[in-house]
Amino acid sequence: MMEGGRDMTEHLSKEAFAKLGAPDLVYVRAISARDALAGADLDDGAEIDPDAILYAVHAADGSRLALLDNRQAAFAVARGNELKPVSVH
């Protein structure tokens, strides 16, 4: 939102921004396994190649909802939960 040349969204919290018209919108982006799992504690003994590309599903506020091993699965999981996925680059 622009007012007098100023971006009025700069003062919104992440939560307020997420509520601006698209609460069911999520974004899918490719991320390296190394970056995605940095600091993660994998309890199930899963072995993941740190050079693999994973696909993260994020809410509008930036919180990660899911991490999958392929783009199609990421979109399917989002749609299966009645969310509207979009790609980001």
N, C-alpha and C. Protein backbone atom coordinates (compact mmCIF):
# COMPACT_ATOMS: atom_id res chain seq x y z
N MET A 1 0.84 -1.17 0.00
CA MET A 1 0.00 0.00 0.00
C MET A 1 0.89 1.23 0.00
N MET A 2 0.59 2.13 -0.89
CA MET A 2 1.38 3.35 -0.99
C MET A 2 0.54 4.54 -0.56
N GLU A 3 1.15 5.41 0.18
CA GLU A 3 0.49 6.64 0.60
C GLU A 3 1.51 7.76 0.49
N GLY A 4 1.28 8.68 -0.42
CA GLY A 4 2.21 9.78 -0.59
C GLY A 4 3.61 9.31 -0.94
N GLY A 5 3.72 8.21 -1.70
CA GLY A 5 5.02 7.70 -2.09
C GLY A 5 5.69 6.82 -1.05
N ARG A 6 5.04 6.62 0.10
CA ARG A 6 5.61 5.77 1.16
C ARG A 6 4.94 4.43 1.19
N ASP A 7 5.70 3.40 1.46
CA ASP A 7 5.16 2.05 1.59
C ASP A 7 4.58 1.91 2.99
N MET A 8 3.26 1.79 3.08
CA MET A 8 2.59 1.73 4.38
C MET A 8 2.70 0.36 5.04
N THR A 9 3.15 -0.66 4.30
CA THR A 9 3.29 -2.00 4.89
C THR A 9 4.54 -2.12 5.74
N GLU A 10 5.44 -1.16 5.67
CA GLU A 10 6.68 -1.27 6.43
C GLU A 10 6.44 -1.26 7.94
N HIS A 11 5.28 -0.81 8.37
CA HIS A 11 4.98 -0.74 9.80
C HIS A 11 4.12 -1.90 10.28
N LEU A 12 3.81 -2.83 9.40
CA LEU A 12 2.98 -3.97 9.78
C LEU A 12 3.83 -5.09 10.36
N SER A 13 3.29 -5.76 11.36
CA SER A 13 3.96 -6.95 11.87
C SER A 13 3.80 -8.07 10.84
N LYS A 14 4.59 -9.13 10.97
CA LYS A 14 4.46 -10.27 10.05
C LYS A 14 3.05 -10.84 10.12
N GLU A 15 2.48 -10.89 11.32
CA GLU A 15 1.14 -11.44 11.48
C GLU A 15 0.09 -10.58 10.77
N ALA A 16 0.21 -9.26 10.93
CA ALA A 16 -0.74 -8.36 10.29
C ALA A 16 -0.59 -8.42 8.77
N PHE A 17 0.65 -8.49 8.29
CA PHE A 17 0.88 -8.58 6.85
C PHE A 17 0.27 -9.86 6.30
N ALA A 18 0.40 -10.96 7.03
CA ALA A 18 -0.13 -12.25 6.58
C ALA A 18 -1.65 -12.23 6.46
N LYS A 19 -2.30 -11.36 7.24
CA LYS A 19 -3.76 -11.30 7.22
C LYS A 19 -4.31 -10.40 6.11
N LEU A 20 -3.45 -9.79 5.34
CA LEU A 20 -3.90 -8.88 4.28
C LEU A 20 -4.43 -9.63 3.08
N GLY A 21 -5.56 -10.26 3.21
CA GLY A 21 -6.26 -10.79 2.06
C GLY A 21 -5.93 -12.19 1.58
N ALA A 22 -4.90 -12.83 2.08
CA ALA A 22 -4.56 -14.15 1.55
C ALA A 22 -4.03 -15.09 2.64
N PRO A 23 -4.84 -15.38 3.64
CA PRO A 23 -4.36 -16.24 4.72
C PRO A 23 -4.09 -17.68 4.29
N ASP A 24 -4.64 -18.08 3.14
CA ASP A 24 -4.44 -19.45 2.67
C ASP A 24 -3.34 -19.55 1.61
N LEU A 25 -2.65 -18.45 1.35
CA LEU A 25 -1.57 -18.44 0.38
C LEU A 25 -0.27 -18.89 1.05
N VAL A 26 0.42 -19.83 0.43
CA VAL A 26 1.73 -20.28 0.92
C VAL A 26 2.70 -20.20 -0.25
N TYR A 27 3.98 -20.12 0.07
CA TYR A 27 4.95 -20.10 -1.01
C TYR A 27 5.91 -21.28 -0.88
N VAL A 28 6.32 -21.76 -2.04
CA VAL A 28 7.22 -22.90 -2.15
C VAL A 28 8.53 -22.40 -2.74
N ARG A 29 9.64 -22.75 -2.09
CA ARG A 29 10.92 -22.34 -2.64
C ARG A 29 11.95 -23.45 -2.47
N ALA A 30 12.85 -23.51 -3.43
CA ALA A 30 13.94 -24.48 -3.37
C ALA A 30 14.96 -23.99 -2.36
N ILE A 31 15.52 -24.94 -1.62
CA ILE A 31 16.52 -24.61 -0.61
C ILE A 31 17.48 -25.80 -0.50
N SER A 32 18.74 -25.52 -0.25
CA SER A 32 19.69 -26.62 -0.10
C SER A 32 19.41 -27.33 1.22
N ALA A 33 19.61 -28.62 1.23
CA ALA A 33 19.39 -29.39 2.45
C ALA A 33 20.28 -28.87 3.57
N ARG A 34 21.49 -28.48 3.23
CA ARG A 34 22.42 -27.94 4.22
C ARG A 34 21.81 -26.73 4.92
N ASP A 35 21.24 -25.81 4.14
CA ASP A 35 20.63 -24.61 4.73
C ASP A 35 19.34 -24.95 5.47
N ALA A 36 18.55 -25.82 4.90
CA ALA A 36 17.26 -26.16 5.50
C ALA A 36 17.41 -26.86 6.84
N LEU A 37 18.45 -27.66 6.96
CA LEU A 37 18.59 -28.48 8.16
C LEU A 37 19.60 -27.93 9.16
N ALA A 38 20.14 -26.76 8.88
CA ALA A 38 21.10 -26.15 9.80
C ALA A 38 20.48 -26.01 11.18
N GLY A 39 21.09 -26.62 12.14
CA GLY A 39 20.59 -26.55 13.51
C GLY A 39 19.45 -27.49 13.83
N ALA A 40 19.01 -28.27 12.85
CA ALA A 40 17.90 -29.20 13.09
C ALA A 40 18.41 -30.45 13.79
N ASP A 41 17.59 -30.98 14.65
CA ASP A 41 17.89 -32.23 15.35
C ASP A 41 17.00 -33.32 14.76
N LEU A 42 17.59 -34.18 13.94
CA LEU A 42 16.81 -35.24 13.29
C LEU A 42 16.74 -36.45 14.21
N ASP A 43 15.58 -36.66 14.81
CA ASP A 43 15.38 -37.75 15.76
C ASP A 43 15.24 -39.11 15.10
N ASP A 44 14.76 -39.16 13.87
CA ASP A 44 14.45 -40.44 13.26
C ASP A 44 15.62 -41.11 12.55
N GLY A 45 16.82 -40.56 12.67
CA GLY A 45 17.99 -41.16 12.05
C GLY A 45 18.03 -40.99 10.54
N ALA A 46 17.23 -40.09 10.01
CA ALA A 46 17.20 -39.87 8.56
C ALA A 46 18.55 -39.34 8.09
N GLU A 47 18.99 -39.86 6.96
CA GLU A 47 20.22 -39.37 6.36
C GLU A 47 19.86 -38.59 5.11
N ILE A 48 20.24 -37.33 5.10
CA ILE A 48 19.92 -36.46 3.98
C ILE A 48 21.22 -35.90 3.43
N ASP A 49 21.39 -36.03 2.12
CA ASP A 49 22.57 -35.48 1.45
C ASP A 49 22.55 -33.97 1.61
N PRO A 50 23.59 -33.38 2.22
CA PRO A 50 23.58 -31.93 2.44
C PRO A 50 23.59 -31.12 1.14
N ASP A 51 23.95 -31.76 0.02
CA ASP A 51 23.96 -31.06 -1.26
C ASP A 51 22.64 -31.21 -2.02
N ALA A 52 21.69 -31.95 -1.46
CA ALA A 52 20.40 -32.15 -2.11
C ALA A 52 19.60 -30.85 -2.10
N ILE A 53 18.72 -30.72 -3.07
CA ILE A 53 17.79 -29.59 -3.12
C ILE A 53 16.46 -30.06 -2.55
N LEU A 54 15.95 -29.34 -1.56
CA LEU A 54 14.66 -29.63 -0.95
C LEU A 54 13.71 -28.49 -1.29
N TYR A 55 12.44 -28.68 -0.98
CA TYR A 55 11.43 -27.67 -1.26
C TYR A 55 10.69 -27.35 0.02
N ALA A 56 10.80 -26.10 0.43
CA ALA A 56 10.17 -25.64 1.66
C ALA A 56 8.85 -24.96 1.35
N VAL A 57 7.84 -25.26 2.15
CA VAL A 57 6.53 -24.61 2.06
C VAL A 57 6.46 -23.65 3.24
N HIS A 58 6.23 -22.36 2.94
CA HIS A 58 6.21 -21.32 3.96
C HIS A 58 4.86 -20.61 3.99
N ALA A 59 4.44 -20.25 5.19
CA ALA A 59 3.24 -19.41 5.36
C ALA A 59 3.60 -17.98 4.97
N ALA A 60 2.60 -17.14 4.83
CA ALA A 60 2.82 -15.74 4.47
C ALA A 60 3.71 -15.01 5.47
N ASP A 61 3.71 -15.45 6.72
CA ASP A 61 4.54 -14.80 7.73
C ASP A 61 5.97 -15.30 7.73
N GLY A 62 6.29 -16.22 6.80
CA GLY A 62 7.65 -16.74 6.68
C GLY A 62 7.92 -18.01 7.45
N SER A 63 7.01 -18.44 8.28
CA SER A 63 7.25 -19.66 9.05
C SER A 63 7.18 -20.89 8.13
N ARG A 64 8.12 -21.81 8.34
CA ARG A 64 8.17 -23.02 7.52
C ARG A 64 7.11 -24.00 7.98
N LEU A 65 6.31 -24.46 7.03
CA LEU A 65 5.24 -25.42 7.32
C LEU A 65 5.63 -26.84 6.97
N ALA A 66 6.44 -26.99 5.93
CA ALA A 66 6.82 -28.33 5.49
C ALA A 66 8.12 -28.27 4.72
N LEU A 67 8.79 -29.41 4.64
CA LEU A 67 10.03 -29.55 3.89
C LEU A 67 9.95 -30.87 3.15
N LEU A 68 10.01 -30.82 1.82
CA LEU A 68 9.83 -32.02 1.01
C LEU A 68 10.98 -32.17 0.03
N ASP A 69 11.06 -33.38 -0.54
CA ASP A 69 12.19 -33.66 -1.43
C ASP A 69 11.93 -33.37 -2.89
N ASN A 70 10.70 -32.95 -3.24
CA ASN A 70 10.46 -32.54 -4.62
C ASN A 70 9.35 -31.50 -4.69
N ARG A 71 9.42 -30.71 -5.74
CA ARG A 71 8.52 -29.58 -5.91
C ARG A 71 7.06 -30.01 -6.04
N GLN A 72 6.81 -31.06 -6.80
CA GLN A 72 5.44 -31.53 -7.01
C GLN A 72 4.81 -31.95 -5.67
N ALA A 73 5.59 -32.62 -4.85
CA ALA A 73 5.08 -33.05 -3.55
C ALA A 73 4.77 -31.84 -2.67
N ALA A 74 5.61 -30.81 -2.73
CA ALA A 74 5.38 -29.61 -1.93
C ALA A 74 4.05 -28.95 -2.32
N PHE A 75 3.80 -28.84 -3.64
CA PHE A 75 2.54 -28.26 -4.10
C PHE A 75 1.35 -29.15 -3.72
N ALA A 76 1.53 -30.47 -3.84
CA ALA A 76 0.44 -31.40 -3.51
C ALA A 76 0.08 -31.33 -2.02
N VAL A 77 1.10 -31.26 -1.18
CA VAL A 77 0.84 -31.17 0.27
C VAL A 77 0.09 -29.88 0.59
N ALA A 78 0.52 -28.79 -0.02
CA ALA A 78 -0.17 -27.51 0.22
C ALA A 78 -1.63 -27.58 -0.22
N ARG A 79 -1.85 -28.06 -1.43
CA ARG A 79 -3.23 -28.16 -1.93
C ARG A 79 -4.06 -29.14 -1.11
N GLY A 80 -3.43 -30.23 -0.65
CA GLY A 80 -4.12 -31.21 0.17
C GLY A 80 -4.57 -30.65 1.51
N ASN A 81 -3.95 -29.55 1.91
CA ASN A 81 -4.33 -28.87 3.16
C ASN A 81 -5.11 -27.59 2.88
N GLU A 82 -5.73 -27.55 1.68
CA GLU A 82 -6.58 -26.44 1.27
C GLU A 82 -5.86 -25.10 1.28
N LEU A 83 -4.57 -25.12 0.90
CA LEU A 83 -3.78 -23.91 0.78
C LEU A 83 -3.50 -23.65 -0.70
N LYS A 84 -3.13 -22.43 -1.02
CA LYS A 84 -2.85 -22.04 -2.40
C LYS A 84 -1.36 -21.76 -2.55
N PRO A 85 -0.62 -22.72 -3.12
CA PRO A 85 0.82 -22.54 -3.25
C PRO A 85 1.22 -21.69 -4.45
N VAL A 86 2.30 -20.91 -4.27
CA VAL A 86 2.91 -20.17 -5.35
C VAL A 86 4.43 -20.36 -5.23
N SER A 87 5.11 -20.24 -6.37
CA SER A 87 6.56 -20.38 -6.38
C SER A 87 7.22 -19.04 -6.10
N VAL A 88 8.37 -19.11 -5.45
CA VAL A 88 9.24 -17.94 -5.33
C VAL A 88 10.62 -18.35 -5.77
N HIS A 89 11.36 -17.39 -6.26
CA HIS A 89 12.70 -17.70 -6.79
C HIS A 89 13.75 -17.00 -5.98
